[in-house]
Amino acid sequence: MSKLRRHLSVGITNNVETRNLDDIKAKTGNLYESISIIGKRANQINVSLKEELHNKLEEFASHTDSLEEIHENKEQIEISRAYERMPNPALLATQEFLDDKVYFRKADNDLFS
């Protein structure tokens, strides 16, 4: 298991849990802004996990696959299953946001006034 996956999925279940919207809103003062931040972080996590998965699966790629090689590649199947069992990036991002592990800043609106 890679450091990134281990770091991200510590203490987070695969199941969706209900969250108190007031807790999410309290971080920024605006629920929609908080959800936008969580969504952007979820996209970042998703991209990094996808790159990591593709890099690992690239090791198994060969251009002259026979039918036997395709069915016998159990390591590749196990890697794919491990990524499928991981929590959803939105769950990871929400937990990071609530634990104050996400850095965000507001744009200065006075620049154009």
C-alpha atoms as a PDB file:
ATOM      1  CA  MET A   1       0.000   0.000   0.000  1.00  0.00           C
ATOM      2  CA  SER A   2       1.417   3.378  -0.970  1.00  0.00           C
ATOM      3  CA  LYS A   3       2.046   6.222   1.449  1.00  0.00           C
ATOM      4  CA  LEU A   4      -0.588   8.376  -0.212  1.00  0.00           C
ATOM      5  CA  ARG A   5      -3.338   5.780   0.131  1.00  0.00           C
ATOM      6  CA  ARG A   6      -2.322   4.926   3.680  1.00  0.00           C
ATOM      7  CA  HIS A   7      -2.229   8.606   4.638  1.00  0.00           C
ATOM      8  CA  LEU A   8      -5.576   9.410   3.073  1.00  0.00           C
ATOM      9  CA  SER A   9      -7.643   6.486   4.264  1.00  0.00           C
ATOM     10  CA  VAL A  10      -6.573   6.311   7.912  1.00  0.00           C
ATOM     11  CA  GLY A  11      -9.646   6.196  10.130  1.00  0.00           C
ATOM     12  CA  ILE A  12     -12.145   6.734   7.329  1.00  0.00           C
ATOM     13  CA  THR A  13     -14.789   4.158   6.538  1.00  0.00           C
ATOM     14  CA  ASN A  14     -16.087   3.383   3.057  1.00  0.00           C
ATOM     15  CA  ASN A  15     -19.631   4.100   4.194  1.00  0.00           C
ATOM     16  CA  VAL A  16     -21.270   7.463   3.834  1.00  0.00           C
ATOM     17  CA  GLU A  17     -22.080   9.101   7.153  1.00  0.00           C
ATOM     18  CA  THR A  18     -24.478  11.939   7.715  1.00  0.00           C
ATOM     19  CA  ARG A  19     -22.763  15.204   8.572  1.00  0.00           C
ATOM     20  CA  ASN A  20     -24.023  18.212  10.446  1.00  0.00           C
ATOM     21  CA  LEU A  21     -24.326  21.004   7.894  1.00  0.00           C
ATOM     22  CA  ASP A  22     -23.714  23.597  10.590  1.00  0.00           C
ATOM     23  CA  ASP A  23     -20.244  22.106  11.190  1.00  0.00           C
ATOM     24  CA  ILE A  24     -19.437  22.331   7.491  1.00  0.00           C
ATOM     25  CA  LYS A  25     -20.847  25.859   7.231  1.00  0.00           C
ATOM     26  CA  ALA A  26     -18.936  27.030  10.322  1.00  0.00           C
ATOM     27  CA  LYS A  27     -15.544  26.667   8.625  1.00  0.00           C
ATOM     28  CA  THR A  28     -16.216  29.328   5.988  1.00  0.00           C
ATOM     29  CA  GLY A  29     -19.479  30.961   7.024  1.00  0.00           C
ATOM     30  CA  ASN A  30     -21.146  29.783   3.807  1.00  0.00           C
ATOM     31  CA  LEU A  31     -22.323  26.231   3.185  1.00  0.00           C
ATOM     32  CA  TYR A  32     -21.940  26.450  -0.591  1.00  0.00           C
ATOM     33  CA  GLU A  33     -18.409  27.804  -0.315  1.00  0.00           C
ATOM     34  CA  SER A  34     -17.497  24.943   2.018  1.00  0.00           C
ATOM     35  CA  ILE A  35     -18.953  22.380  -0.384  1.00  0.00           C
ATOM     36  CA  SER A  36     -17.050  23.980  -3.256  1.00  0.00           C
ATOM     37  CA  ILE A  37     -13.787  23.683  -1.316  1.00  0.00           C
ATOM     38  CA  ILE A  38     -14.532  20.043  -0.474  1.00  0.00           C
ATOM     39  CA  GLY A  39     -15.324  19.352  -4.141  1.00  0.00           C
ATOM     40  CA  LYS A  40     -12.075  20.898  -5.346  1.00  0.00           C
ATOM     41  CA  ARG A  41     -10.076  18.895  -2.812  1.00  0.00           C
ATOM     42  CA  ALA A  42     -11.917  15.702  -3.830  1.00  0.00           C
ATOM     43  CA  ASN A  43     -10.894  16.354  -7.442  1.00  0.00           C
ATOM     44  CA  GLN A  44      -7.254  16.775  -6.372  1.00  0.00           C
ATOM     45  CA  ILE A  45      -7.351  13.495  -4.440  1.00  0.00           C
ATOM     46  CA  ASN A  46      -9.039  11.722  -7.332  1.00  0.00           C
ATOM     47  CA  VAL A  47      -6.429  12.887  -9.845  1.00  0.00           C
ATOM     48  CA  SER A  48      -3.514  11.846  -7.644  1.00  0.00           C
ATOM     49  CA  LEU A  49      -5.017   8.429  -6.920  1.00  0.00           C
ATOM     50  CA  LYS A  50      -5.791   7.879 -10.592  1.00  0.00           C
ATOM     51  CA  GLU A  51      -2.211   8.758 -11.578  1.00  0.00           C
ATOM     52  CA  GLU A  52      -0.853   6.429  -8.933  1.00  0.00           C
ATOM     53  CA  LEU A  53      -3.092   3.571 -10.077  1.00  0.00           C
ATOM     54  CA  HIS A  54      -2.178   4.065 -13.731  1.00  0.00           C
ATOM     55  CA  ASN A  55       1.539   4.100 -12.853  1.00  0.00           C
ATOM     56  CA  LYS A  56       1.202   0.826 -10.966  1.00  0.00           C
ATOM     57  CA  LEU A  57      -0.824  -0.810 -13.719  1.00  0.00           C
ATOM     58  CA  GLU A  58       1.629   0.449 -16.345  1.00  0.00           C
ATOM     59  CA  GLU A  59       4.208  -1.962 -14.902  1.00  0.00           C
ATOM     60  CA  PHE A  60       2.003  -4.852 -16.018  1.00  0.00           C
ATOM     61  CA  ALA A  61       1.347  -3.564 -19.524  1.00  0.00           C
ATOM     62  CA  SER A  62       2.826  -5.503 -22.377  1.00  0.00           C
ATOM     63  CA  HIS A  63       2.089  -5.083 -26.036  1.00  0.00           C
ATOM     64  CA  THR A  64       2.214  -8.792 -26.841  1.00  0.00           C
ATOM     65  CA  ASP A  65      -0.341 -10.172 -24.407  1.00  0.00           C
ATOM     66  CA  SER A  66      -1.515 -13.676 -24.956  1.00  0.00           C
ATOM     67  CA  LEU A  67      -4.858 -14.890 -23.668  1.00  0.00           C
ATOM     68  CA  GLU A  68      -3.159 -16.791 -20.832  1.00  0.00           C
ATOM     69  CA  GLU A  69      -1.244 -13.715 -19.635  1.00  0.00           C
ATOM     70  CA  ILE A  70      -4.425 -11.666 -19.434  1.00  0.00           C
ATOM     71  CA  HIS A  71      -6.212 -14.199 -17.228  1.00  0.00           C
ATOM     72  CA  GLU A  72      -3.186 -15.008 -15.058  1.00  0.00           C
ATOM     73  CA  ASN A  73      -2.298 -11.509 -13.897  1.00  0.00           C
ATOM     74  CA  LYS A  74      -3.552 -11.785 -10.326  1.00  0.00           C
ATOM     75  CA  GLU A  75      -1.316  -9.012  -8.970  1.00  0.00           C
ATOM     76  CA  GLN A  76      -2.929  -6.507 -11.300  1.00  0.00           C
ATOM     77  CA  ILE A  77      -6.373  -7.635 -10.183  1.00  0.00           C
ATOM     78  CA  GLU A  78      -5.424  -7.273  -6.510  1.00  0.00           C
ATOM     79  CA  ILE A  79      -4.102  -3.751  -7.060  1.00  0.00           C
ATOM     80  CA  SER A  80      -7.337  -2.767  -8.796  1.00  0.00           C
ATOM     81  CA  ARG A  81      -9.443  -4.279  -6.017  1.00  0.00           C
ATOM     82  CA  ALA A  82      -7.449  -2.438  -3.356  1.00  0.00           C
ATOM     83  CA  TYR A  83      -8.195   0.871  -5.062  1.00  0.00           C
ATOM     84  CA  GLU A  84     -11.867  -0.041  -5.395  1.00  0.00           C
ATOM     85  CA  ARG A  85     -12.092  -0.695  -1.642  1.00  0.00           C
ATOM     86  CA  MET A  86     -10.691   2.728  -0.804  1.00  0.00           C
ATOM     87  CA  PRO A  87     -13.042   5.419   0.470  1.00  0.00           C
ATOM     88  CA  ASN A  88     -14.505   7.741  -2.115  1.00  0.00           C
ATOM     89  CA  PRO A  89     -12.407  10.917  -2.677  1.00  0.00           C
ATOM     90  CA  ALA A  90     -15.395  13.027  -1.583  1.00  0.00           C
ATOM     91  CA  LEU A  91     -15.449  11.221   1.771  1.00  0.00           C
ATOM     92  CA  LEU A  92     -11.711  11.757   2.166  1.00  0.00           C
ATOM     93  CA  ALA A  93     -11.988  15.436   1.261  1.00  0.00           C
ATOM     94  CA  THR A  94     -14.898  15.994   3.644  1.00  0.00           C
ATOM     95  CA  GLN A  95     -12.980  14.432   6.522  1.00  0.00           C
ATOM     96  CA  GLU A  96      -9.883  16.502   5.735  1.00  0.00           C
ATOM     97  CA  PHE A  97     -12.006  19.662   5.618  1.00  0.00           C
ATOM     98  CA  LEU A  98     -13.654  18.954   8.955  1.00  0.00           C
ATOM     99  CA  ASP A  99     -10.265  18.110  10.522  1.00  0.00           C
ATOM    100  CA  ASP A 100      -8.820  21.458   9.295  1.00  0.00           C
ATOM    101  CA  LYS A 101      -6.314  19.709   7.026  1.00  0.00           C
ATOM    102  CA  VAL A 102      -7.358  21.645   3.907  1.00  0.00           C
ATOM    103  CA  TYR A 103      -5.794  25.034   3.244  1.00  0.00           C
ATOM    104  CA  PHE A 104      -8.040  27.523   1.489  1.00  0.00           C
ATOM    105  CA  ARG A 105      -8.202  31.273   1.150  1.00  0.00           C
ATOM    106  CA  LYS A 106     -10.714  33.761  -0.114  1.00  0.00           C
ATOM    107  CA  ALA A 107      -9.967  36.005  -3.043  1.00  0.00           C
ATOM    108  CA  ASP A 108      -9.679  39.673  -2.144  1.00  0.00           C
ATOM    109  CA  ASN A 109     -12.862  41.225  -3.552  1.00  0.00           C
ATOM    110  CA  ASP A 110     -11.655  44.795  -2.865  1.00  0.00           C
ATOM    111  CA  LEU A 111      -9.240  44.675  -5.798  1.00  0.00           C
ATOM    112  CA  PHE A 112     -11.929  45.475  -8.347  1.00  0.00           C
ATOM    113  CA  SER A 113     -13.999  47.935  -6.312  1.00  0.00           C
END
